[in-house]
C-alpha cells in the first residue's frame, strides 16, 4: 500500500505491468473532519512577474489550460486534467487504469475542499534546507542555534530571489 496521487496511477502501472493497482480513499475515522482533503493539480503554469512579455505569457498559459487540442497533445502525462473540458476531450480513449483515475478523481471532487493557494516563494526549498541543516547538527558541524539562524537567513534569500 502506498499514498500516491490518483493521477500517478498510470505511471505506476506502466512501470510495473505485472501488478494490479486499485485506488482507495484516505483512511478516516469517526473524528476525521469533513473536507480534510483537496484535489491538487499535478502542476501549475506560471510566468515570471519580471517577464518582458507578460501579455504573451498570459496568452500561452491560457492556451495551455483551456484549449482542448492541448488535452489531446498532453493526454494524462501530467495527471488527470483539472479542466473539465480537457477530461471530456480525453474520456473517449481511456484505458482501464486511466478511467479508474478519472472516475476516482470525479468521485473525490464531491468530498474535497478547495485547493489551497499555490506554494509560497521559497517554500519549495524548505525540505532540502531542513534536511541539510539537520544533518549538519547531527554530525556536529553546526550547533542547533547556528543551524536555525543559517536556515532562516537562507530561506529569506530564497524568498527574496523568487520575489
N, C-alpha and C. Protein backbone atom coordinates (compact mmCIF):
# COMPACT_ATOMS: atom_id res chain seq x y z
N UNK A 1 0.85 -1.17 0.00
CA UNK A 1 0.00 0.00 0.00
C UNK A 1 0.90 1.23 0.00
N UNK A 2 0.46 2.24 -0.72
CA UNK A 2 1.21 3.48 -0.84
C UNK A 2 0.26 4.65 -1.01
N UNK A 3 0.65 5.80 -0.52
CA UNK A 3 -0.12 7.01 -0.75
C UNK A 3 0.48 7.72 -1.95
N UNK A 4 -0.26 7.75 -3.05
CA UNK A 4 0.17 8.43 -4.27
C UNK A 4 -1.02 9.21 -4.81
N UNK A 5 -0.77 10.24 -5.59
CA UNK A 5 -1.88 10.93 -6.24
C UNK A 5 -2.56 10.00 -7.25
N UNK A 6 -3.86 10.09 -7.34
CA UNK A 6 -4.61 9.23 -8.28
C UNK A 6 -4.10 9.41 -9.71
N UNK A 7 -3.69 10.63 -10.05
CA UNK A 7 -3.21 10.89 -11.40
C UNK A 7 -1.90 10.18 -11.72
N UNK A 8 -1.23 9.64 -10.71
CA UNK A 8 0.02 8.91 -10.93
C UNK A 8 -0.20 7.43 -11.21
N UNK A 9 -1.42 6.97 -11.11
CA UNK A 9 -1.71 5.54 -11.27
C UNK A 9 -1.18 5.00 -12.58
N UNK A 10 -1.41 5.70 -13.67
CA UNK A 10 -0.98 5.17 -14.97
C UNK A 10 0.53 5.03 -15.04
N UNK A 11 1.27 5.94 -14.42
CA UNK A 11 2.73 5.83 -14.40
C UNK A 11 3.18 4.61 -13.60
N UNK A 12 2.57 4.39 -12.46
CA UNK A 12 2.92 3.22 -11.64
C UNK A 12 2.58 1.93 -12.39
N UNK A 13 1.42 1.91 -13.01
CA UNK A 13 1.01 0.70 -13.73
C UNK A 13 1.94 0.44 -14.91
N UNK A 14 2.36 1.48 -15.60
CA UNK A 14 3.29 1.31 -16.72
C UNK A 14 4.64 0.78 -16.24
N UNK A 15 5.07 1.23 -15.07
CA UNK A 15 6.36 0.81 -14.53
C UNK A 15 6.33 -0.62 -13.99
N UNK A 16 5.15 -1.09 -13.62
CA UNK A 16 5.03 -2.44 -13.04
C UNK A 16 3.81 -3.13 -13.64
N UNK A 17 3.88 -3.49 -14.93
CA UNK A 17 2.71 -4.04 -15.61
C UNK A 17 2.23 -5.39 -15.07
N UNK A 18 3.06 -6.07 -14.32
CA UNK A 18 2.66 -7.38 -13.78
C UNK A 18 1.81 -7.27 -12.52
N UNK A 19 1.58 -6.06 -12.04
CA UNK A 19 0.80 -5.86 -10.82
C UNK A 19 -0.51 -5.16 -11.16
N UNK A 20 -1.50 -5.41 -10.35
CA UNK A 20 -2.79 -4.75 -10.50
C UNK A 20 -2.95 -3.76 -9.35
N UNK A 21 -3.25 -2.54 -9.69
CA UNK A 21 -3.43 -1.49 -8.69
C UNK A 21 -4.89 -1.09 -8.60
N UNK A 22 -5.27 -0.62 -7.43
CA UNK A 22 -6.58 -0.03 -7.21
C UNK A 22 -6.38 1.28 -6.47
N UNK A 23 -7.34 2.14 -6.56
CA UNK A 23 -7.28 3.43 -5.87
C UNK A 23 -8.33 3.40 -4.77
N UNK A 24 -7.95 3.87 -3.60
CA UNK A 24 -8.88 3.95 -2.47
C UNK A 24 -8.77 5.33 -1.83
N UNK A 25 -9.82 5.71 -1.18
CA UNK A 25 -9.83 6.98 -0.46
C UNK A 25 -8.91 6.88 0.76
N UNK A 26 -8.50 8.01 1.29
CA UNK A 26 -7.69 8.05 2.50
C UNK A 26 -8.46 7.37 3.63
N UNK A 27 -7.75 6.64 4.48
CA UNK A 27 -8.43 6.08 5.65
C UNK A 27 -8.90 7.19 6.58
N UNK A 28 -10.06 7.04 7.12
CA UNK A 28 -10.59 8.05 8.03
C UNK A 28 -11.21 7.35 9.23
N UNK A 29 -11.47 8.11 10.26
CA UNK A 29 -12.12 7.60 11.46
C UNK A 29 -13.25 8.51 11.85
N UNK A 30 -13.90 8.19 12.95
CA UNK A 30 -15.06 9.00 13.36
C UNK A 30 -14.71 10.45 13.67
N UNK A 31 -13.44 10.73 14.00
CA UNK A 31 -13.05 12.10 14.34
C UNK A 31 -12.50 12.88 13.14
N UNK A 32 -12.46 12.25 11.97
CA UNK A 32 -11.94 12.93 10.79
C UNK A 32 -12.89 14.06 10.39
N UNK A 33 -12.31 15.24 10.25
CA UNK A 33 -13.13 16.40 9.89
C UNK A 33 -13.52 16.30 8.42
N UNK A 34 -14.76 16.69 8.09
CA UNK A 34 -15.16 16.71 6.67
C UNK A 34 -14.29 17.69 5.89
N UNK A 35 -14.14 17.42 4.64
CA UNK A 35 -13.42 18.29 3.71
C UNK A 35 -11.94 18.41 4.09
N UNK A 36 -11.35 17.33 4.63
CA UNK A 36 -9.96 17.38 5.05
C UNK A 36 -8.99 17.26 3.88
N UNK A 37 -9.48 16.84 2.74
CA UNK A 37 -8.59 16.67 1.60
C UNK A 37 -9.00 17.60 0.47
N UNK A 38 -8.12 17.74 -0.50
CA UNK A 38 -8.41 18.58 -1.65
C UNK A 38 -7.79 17.96 -2.89
N UNK A 39 -8.32 18.31 -4.05
CA UNK A 39 -7.75 17.87 -5.31
C UNK A 39 -6.62 18.82 -5.66
N UNK A 40 -5.44 18.26 -5.83
CA UNK A 40 -4.27 19.08 -6.13
C UNK A 40 -3.83 18.84 -7.56
N UNK A 41 -3.72 19.91 -8.35
CA UNK A 41 -3.21 19.72 -9.71
C UNK A 41 -1.79 19.16 -9.65
N UNK A 42 -1.44 18.38 -10.64
CA UNK A 42 -0.10 17.81 -10.67
C UNK A 42 0.94 18.85 -11.04
N UNK A 43 0.51 19.93 -11.64
CA UNK A 43 1.43 21.01 -11.97
C UNK A 43 0.63 22.30 -12.18
N UNK A 44 1.33 23.40 -12.03
CA UNK A 44 0.75 24.71 -12.28
C UNK A 44 1.56 25.36 -13.40
N UNK A 45 0.92 26.24 -14.15
CA UNK A 45 1.62 27.02 -15.15
C UNK A 45 1.84 28.41 -14.55
N UNK A 46 2.99 28.97 -14.77
CA UNK A 46 3.28 30.30 -14.24
C UNK A 46 4.23 31.02 -15.19
N UNK A 47 4.21 32.33 -15.08
CA UNK A 47 5.15 33.17 -15.81
C UNK A 47 5.79 34.12 -14.81
N UNK A 48 7.02 34.47 -15.06
CA UNK A 48 7.72 35.37 -14.16
C UNK A 48 7.05 36.74 -14.15
N UNK A 49 6.98 37.33 -12.98
CA UNK A 49 6.46 38.70 -12.87
C UNK A 49 7.39 39.68 -13.57
N UNK A 50 8.61 39.24 -13.82
CA UNK A 50 9.60 40.10 -14.49
C UNK A 50 9.64 39.87 -16.00
N UNK A 51 8.72 39.11 -16.53
CA UNK A 51 8.72 38.79 -17.95
C UNK A 51 8.67 40.07 -18.79
N UNK A 52 9.43 40.08 -19.86
CA UNK A 52 9.37 41.20 -20.80
C UNK A 52 8.13 41.10 -21.69
N UNK A 53 7.45 39.97 -21.64
CA UNK A 53 6.28 39.74 -22.48
C UNK A 53 5.13 39.17 -21.66
N UNK A 54 4.60 39.94 -20.69
CA UNK A 54 3.57 39.40 -19.82
C UNK A 54 2.27 39.04 -20.56
N UNK A 55 1.90 39.83 -21.54
CA UNK A 55 0.66 39.53 -22.29
C UNK A 55 0.80 38.22 -23.05
N UNK A 56 1.94 38.03 -23.70
CA UNK A 56 2.17 36.81 -24.46
C UNK A 56 2.25 35.59 -23.53
N UNK A 57 2.89 35.78 -22.38
CA UNK A 57 2.97 34.70 -21.40
C UNK A 57 1.57 34.32 -20.93
N UNK A 58 0.74 35.33 -20.69
CA UNK A 58 -0.65 35.07 -20.30
C UNK A 58 -1.42 34.33 -21.38
N UNK A 59 -1.22 34.71 -22.63
CA UNK A 59 -1.90 34.03 -23.74
C UNK A 59 -1.44 32.57 -23.84
N UNK A 60 -0.15 32.35 -23.65
CA UNK A 60 0.36 30.97 -23.71
C UNK A 60 -0.24 30.13 -22.59
N UNK A 61 -0.26 30.65 -21.37
CA UNK A 61 -0.85 29.91 -20.25
C UNK A 61 -2.33 29.66 -20.49
N UNK A 62 -3.02 30.66 -21.00
CA UNK A 62 -4.44 30.48 -21.31
C UNK A 62 -4.62 29.36 -22.34
N UNK A 63 -3.81 29.35 -23.37
CA UNK A 63 -3.87 28.30 -24.39
C UNK A 63 -3.60 26.93 -23.77
N UNK A 64 -2.56 26.83 -22.95
CA UNK A 64 -2.18 25.54 -22.35
C UNK A 64 -3.23 25.01 -21.38
N UNK A 65 -4.04 25.88 -20.82
CA UNK A 65 -5.02 25.44 -19.82
C UNK A 65 -6.45 25.39 -20.32
N UNK A 66 -6.72 25.93 -21.51
CA UNK A 66 -8.12 25.97 -21.95
C UNK A 66 -8.39 25.37 -23.32
N UNK A 67 -7.38 25.19 -24.14
CA UNK A 67 -7.62 24.71 -25.49
C UNK A 67 -7.67 23.17 -25.52
N UNK A 68 -8.81 22.58 -25.92
CA UNK A 68 -8.93 21.12 -25.92
C UNK A 68 -7.89 20.41 -26.80
N UNK A 69 -7.32 21.12 -27.77
CA UNK A 69 -6.25 20.49 -28.58
C UNK A 69 -5.05 20.15 -27.71
N UNK A 70 -4.82 20.97 -26.70
CA UNK A 70 -3.71 20.71 -25.78
C UNK A 70 -3.98 19.43 -25.00
N UNK A 71 -5.23 19.22 -24.63
CA UNK A 71 -5.58 17.99 -23.90
C UNK A 71 -5.18 16.78 -24.72
N UNK A 72 -5.45 16.80 -26.00
CA UNK A 72 -5.10 15.67 -26.87
C UNK A 72 -3.59 15.50 -26.97
N UNK A 73 -2.85 16.62 -27.00
CA UNK A 73 -1.39 16.54 -27.08
C UNK A 73 -0.77 16.02 -25.79
N UNK A 74 -1.22 16.53 -24.65
CA UNK A 74 -0.63 16.17 -23.37
C UNK A 74 -1.17 14.85 -22.83
N UNK A 75 -2.42 14.53 -23.14
CA UNK A 75 -3.02 13.32 -22.58
C UNK A 75 -3.02 13.39 -21.07
N UNK A 76 -2.62 12.31 -20.44
CA UNK A 76 -2.60 12.27 -18.97
C UNK A 76 -1.17 12.20 -18.43
N UNK A 77 -0.21 12.62 -19.24
CA UNK A 77 1.19 12.61 -18.78
C UNK A 77 1.38 13.46 -17.54
N UNK A 78 0.55 14.44 -17.34
CA UNK A 78 0.65 15.33 -16.18
C UNK A 78 -0.45 15.05 -15.18
N UNK A 79 -1.02 13.87 -15.23
CA UNK A 79 -2.10 13.51 -14.31
C UNK A 79 -3.47 13.77 -14.91
N UNK A 80 -4.48 13.61 -14.08
CA UNK A 80 -5.86 13.86 -14.50
C UNK A 80 -6.01 15.37 -14.68
N UNK A 81 -6.42 15.83 -15.86
CA UNK A 81 -6.53 17.28 -16.08
C UNK A 81 -7.55 17.92 -15.15
N UNK A 82 -7.22 19.10 -14.65
CA UNK A 82 -8.14 19.83 -13.78
C UNK A 82 -9.30 20.44 -14.57
N UNK A 83 -9.05 20.79 -15.82
CA UNK A 83 -10.06 21.42 -16.66
C UNK A 83 -11.09 20.37 -17.11
N UNK A 84 -12.38 20.56 -16.78
CA UNK A 84 -13.40 19.58 -17.18
C UNK A 84 -13.47 19.35 -18.70
N UNK A 85 -13.24 20.41 -19.49
CA UNK A 85 -13.26 20.23 -20.95
C UNK A 85 -12.11 19.33 -21.41
N UNK A 86 -10.96 19.40 -20.73
CA UNK A 86 -9.85 18.52 -21.05
C UNK A 86 -10.23 17.08 -20.75
N UNK A 87 -10.85 16.85 -19.59
CA UNK A 87 -11.27 15.48 -19.24
C UNK A 87 -12.28 14.97 -20.26
N UNK A 88 -13.21 15.82 -20.67
CA UNK A 88 -14.19 15.42 -21.68
C UNK A 88 -13.51 15.06 -23.00
N UNK A 89 -12.51 15.87 -23.39
CA UNK A 89 -11.82 15.63 -24.66
C UNK A 89 -11.06 14.31 -24.64
N UNK A 90 -10.65 13.86 -23.47
CA UNK A 90 -9.86 12.63 -23.36
C UNK A 90 -10.68 11.40 -23.00
N UNK A 91 -11.90 11.59 -22.53
CA UNK A 91 -12.67 10.50 -21.94
C UNK A 91 -12.96 9.34 -22.89
N UNK A 92 -13.01 9.58 -24.17
CA UNK A 92 -13.37 8.50 -25.11
C UNK A 92 -12.27 7.45 -25.25
N UNK A 93 -11.01 7.81 -25.13
CA UNK A 93 -9.95 6.86 -25.41
C UNK A 93 -9.19 6.37 -24.18
N UNK A 94 -9.83 6.32 -23.03
CA UNK A 94 -9.12 5.96 -21.80
C UNK A 94 -8.93 4.46 -21.65
N UNK A 95 -7.72 4.07 -21.21
CA UNK A 95 -7.53 2.66 -20.85
C UNK A 95 -8.13 2.45 -19.45
N UNK A 96 -8.16 1.23 -18.97
CA UNK A 96 -8.83 0.90 -17.71
C UNK A 96 -8.24 1.66 -16.53
N UNK A 97 -6.92 1.77 -16.47
CA UNK A 97 -6.29 2.46 -15.34
C UNK A 97 -6.56 3.96 -15.36
N UNK A 98 -6.49 4.56 -16.53
CA UNK A 98 -6.75 5.99 -16.63
C UNK A 98 -8.21 6.28 -16.33
N UNK A 99 -9.11 5.41 -16.78
CA UNK A 99 -10.54 5.57 -16.46
C UNK A 99 -10.75 5.48 -14.95
N UNK A 100 -10.03 4.54 -14.30
CA UNK A 100 -10.14 4.42 -12.84
C UNK A 100 -9.70 5.72 -12.17
N UNK A 101 -8.61 6.30 -12.64
CA UNK A 101 -8.12 7.55 -12.07
C UNK A 101 -9.10 8.70 -12.31
N UNK A 102 -9.67 8.76 -13.52
CA UNK A 102 -10.66 9.80 -13.83
C UNK A 102 -11.89 9.64 -12.94
N UNK A 103 -12.40 8.41 -12.83
CA UNK A 103 -13.60 8.16 -12.04
C UNK A 103 -13.36 8.47 -10.56
N UNK A 104 -12.19 8.06 -10.05
CA UNK A 104 -11.87 8.32 -8.65
C UNK A 104 -11.78 9.83 -8.39
N UNK A 105 -11.12 10.55 -9.29
CA UNK A 105 -10.98 11.99 -9.13
C UNK A 105 -12.35 12.67 -9.16
N UNK A 106 -13.23 12.22 -10.03
CA UNK A 106 -14.58 12.79 -10.09
C UNK A 106 -15.34 12.52 -8.80
N UNK A 107 -15.19 11.31 -8.26
CA UNK A 107 -15.87 10.97 -7.01
C UNK A 107 -15.33 11.80 -5.85
N UNK A 108 -14.02 11.99 -5.81
CA UNK A 108 -13.41 12.75 -4.72
C UNK A 108 -13.74 14.24 -4.81
N UNK A 109 -14.05 14.72 -6.01
CA UNK A 109 -14.39 16.14 -6.16
C UNK A 109 -15.59 16.52 -5.32
N UNK A 110 -16.49 15.56 -5.08
CA UNK A 110 -17.68 15.85 -4.27
C UNK A 110 -17.37 15.85 -2.78
N UNK A 111 -16.19 15.34 -2.39
CA UNK A 111 -15.82 15.24 -0.98
C UNK A 111 -14.65 16.14 -0.62
N UNK A 112 -14.18 16.94 -1.55
CA UNK A 112 -12.94 17.67 -1.36
C UNK A 112 -13.17 19.16 -1.12
N UNK A 113 -12.29 19.72 -0.31
CA UNK A 113 -12.29 21.16 -0.08
C UNK A 113 -11.58 21.85 -1.23
N UNK A 114 -11.73 23.15 -1.34
CA UNK A 114 -10.97 23.87 -2.37
C UNK A 114 -9.47 23.73 -2.12
N UNK A 115 -8.71 23.70 -3.18
CA UNK A 115 -7.26 23.60 -3.07
C UNK A 115 -6.70 24.87 -2.43
N UNK A 116 -5.65 24.71 -1.62
CA UNK A 116 -5.03 25.90 -1.04
C UNK A 116 -4.29 26.69 -2.12
N UNK A 117 -3.85 27.86 -1.75
CA UNK A 117 -3.08 28.68 -2.67
C UNK A 117 -1.81 27.95 -3.09
N UNK A 118 -1.25 28.35 -4.21
CA UNK A 118 -0.01 27.73 -4.67
C UNK A 118 1.11 27.96 -3.66
N UNK A 119 2.14 27.18 -3.80
CA UNK A 119 3.28 27.24 -2.89
C UNK A 119 3.87 28.64 -2.85
N UNK A 120 4.12 29.12 -1.68
CA UNK A 120 4.68 30.46 -1.49
C UNK A 120 6.15 30.50 -1.93
N UNK A 121 6.60 31.69 -2.27
CA UNK A 121 8.01 31.87 -2.64
C UNK A 121 8.91 31.30 -1.55
N UNK A 122 9.88 30.51 -1.96
CA UNK A 122 10.85 29.93 -1.04
C UNK A 122 10.44 28.60 -0.44
N UNK A 123 9.15 28.28 -0.45
CA UNK A 123 8.68 27.06 0.21
C UNK A 123 9.18 25.79 -0.46
N UNK A 124 9.45 25.85 -1.75
CA UNK A 124 9.94 24.66 -2.45
C UNK A 124 11.31 24.23 -1.95
N UNK A 125 12.05 25.14 -1.36
CA UNK A 125 13.41 24.85 -0.89
C UNK A 125 13.46 24.36 0.56
N UNK A 126 12.37 24.48 1.29
CA UNK A 126 12.38 24.22 2.73
C UNK A 126 12.81 22.80 3.07
N UNK A 127 12.24 21.79 2.43
CA UNK A 127 12.57 20.40 2.78
C UNK A 127 14.05 20.10 2.60
N UNK A 128 14.62 20.56 1.50
CA UNK A 128 16.04 20.33 1.24
C UNK A 128 16.89 21.02 2.30
N UNK A 129 16.54 22.26 2.62
CA UNK A 129 17.31 23.01 3.62
C UNK A 129 17.20 22.36 5.00
N UNK A 130 16.01 21.97 5.39
CA UNK A 130 15.83 21.35 6.71
C UNK A 130 16.67 20.08 6.81
N UNK A 131 16.63 19.26 5.76
CA UNK A 131 17.42 18.04 5.77
C UNK A 131 18.91 18.31 5.89
N UNK A 132 19.38 19.29 5.14
CA UNK A 132 20.80 19.62 5.16
C UNK A 132 21.23 20.15 6.52
N UNK A 133 20.47 21.10 7.10
CA UNK A 133 20.83 21.65 8.40
C UNK A 133 20.68 20.61 9.51
N UNK A 134 19.69 19.76 9.39
CA UNK A 134 19.52 18.69 10.37
C UNK A 134 20.76 17.78 10.38
N UNK A 135 21.24 17.40 9.19
CA UNK A 135 22.43 16.56 9.12
C UNK A 135 23.65 17.27 9.69
N UNK A 136 23.77 18.56 9.42
CA UNK A 136 24.92 19.30 9.94
C UNK A 136 24.90 19.36 11.47
N UNK A 137 23.72 19.44 12.05
CA UNK A 137 23.60 19.41 13.51
C UNK A 137 23.92 18.01 14.01
N UNK A 138 23.35 16.99 13.40
CA UNK A 138 23.57 15.61 13.84
C UNK A 138 25.03 15.20 13.77
N UNK A 139 25.77 15.70 12.77
CA UNK A 139 27.18 15.35 12.62
C UNK A 139 28.11 16.35 13.32
N UNK A 140 27.53 17.24 14.15
CA UNK A 140 28.34 18.15 14.94
C UNK A 140 29.00 19.26 14.16
N UNK A 141 28.55 19.51 12.95
CA UNK A 141 29.15 20.57 12.13
C UNK A 141 28.60 21.94 12.49
N UNK A 142 27.37 21.98 13.01
CA UNK A 142 26.74 23.23 13.44
C UNK A 142 25.99 22.97 14.75
N UNK A 143 25.90 24.01 15.56
CA UNK A 143 25.05 23.91 16.75
C UNK A 143 23.60 24.09 16.30
N UNK A 144 22.63 23.63 17.07
CA UNK A 144 21.23 23.86 16.68
C UNK A 144 20.92 25.35 16.50
N UNK A 145 21.49 26.20 17.35
CA UNK A 145 21.24 27.64 17.23
C UNK A 145 21.82 28.20 15.92
N UNK A 146 23.05 27.79 15.60
CA UNK A 146 23.67 28.26 14.36
C UNK A 146 22.93 27.74 13.13
N UNK A 147 22.50 26.49 13.21
CA UNK A 147 21.74 25.92 12.09
C UNK A 147 20.42 26.65 11.92
N UNK A 148 19.74 26.96 13.02
CA UNK A 148 18.47 27.69 12.95
C UNK A 148 18.66 29.06 12.33
N UNK A 149 19.71 29.77 12.77
CA UNK A 149 19.98 31.10 12.23
C UNK A 149 20.31 31.02 10.74
N UNK A 150 21.18 30.07 10.36
CA UNK A 150 21.56 29.92 8.96
C UNK A 150 20.35 29.52 8.10
N UNK A 151 19.47 28.66 8.66
CA UNK A 151 18.27 28.23 7.94
C UNK A 151 17.39 29.44 7.63
N UNK A 152 17.13 30.27 8.64
CA UNK A 152 16.26 31.44 8.45
C UNK A 152 16.87 32.39 7.42
N UNK A 153 18.18 32.60 7.51
CA UNK A 153 18.84 33.51 6.55
C UNK A 153 18.76 32.96 5.13
N UNK A 154 19.02 31.66 4.98
CA UNK A 154 18.97 31.06 3.63
C UNK A 154 17.56 31.07 3.09
N UNK A 155 16.59 30.78 3.93
CA UNK A 155 15.19 30.80 3.50
C UNK A 155 14.80 32.21 3.05
N UNK A 156 15.23 33.23 3.79
CA UNK A 156 14.92 34.60 3.39
C UNK A 156 15.53 34.93 2.03
N UNK A 157 16.77 34.47 1.79
CA UNK A 157 17.38 34.70 0.48
C UNK A 157 16.59 33.99 -0.62
N UNK A 158 16.10 32.80 -0.33
CA UNK A 158 15.30 32.06 -1.31
C UNK A 158 13.99 32.81 -1.62
N UNK A 159 13.36 33.33 -0.58
CA UNK A 159 12.12 34.08 -0.77
C UNK A 159 12.40 35.34 -1.58
N UNK A 160 13.45 36.05 -1.22
CA UNK A 160 13.79 37.30 -1.92
C UNK A 160 14.13 37.04 -3.38
N UNK A 161 14.84 35.95 -3.65
CA UNK A 161 15.23 35.63 -5.03
C UNK A 161 14.01 35.30 -5.89
N UNK A 162 12.98 34.75 -5.28
CA UNK A 162 11.79 34.34 -6.04
C UNK A 162 10.78 35.48 -6.16
N UNK A 163 11.00 36.55 -5.45
CA UNK A 163 10.03 37.66 -5.46
C UNK A 163 10.22 38.57 -6.65
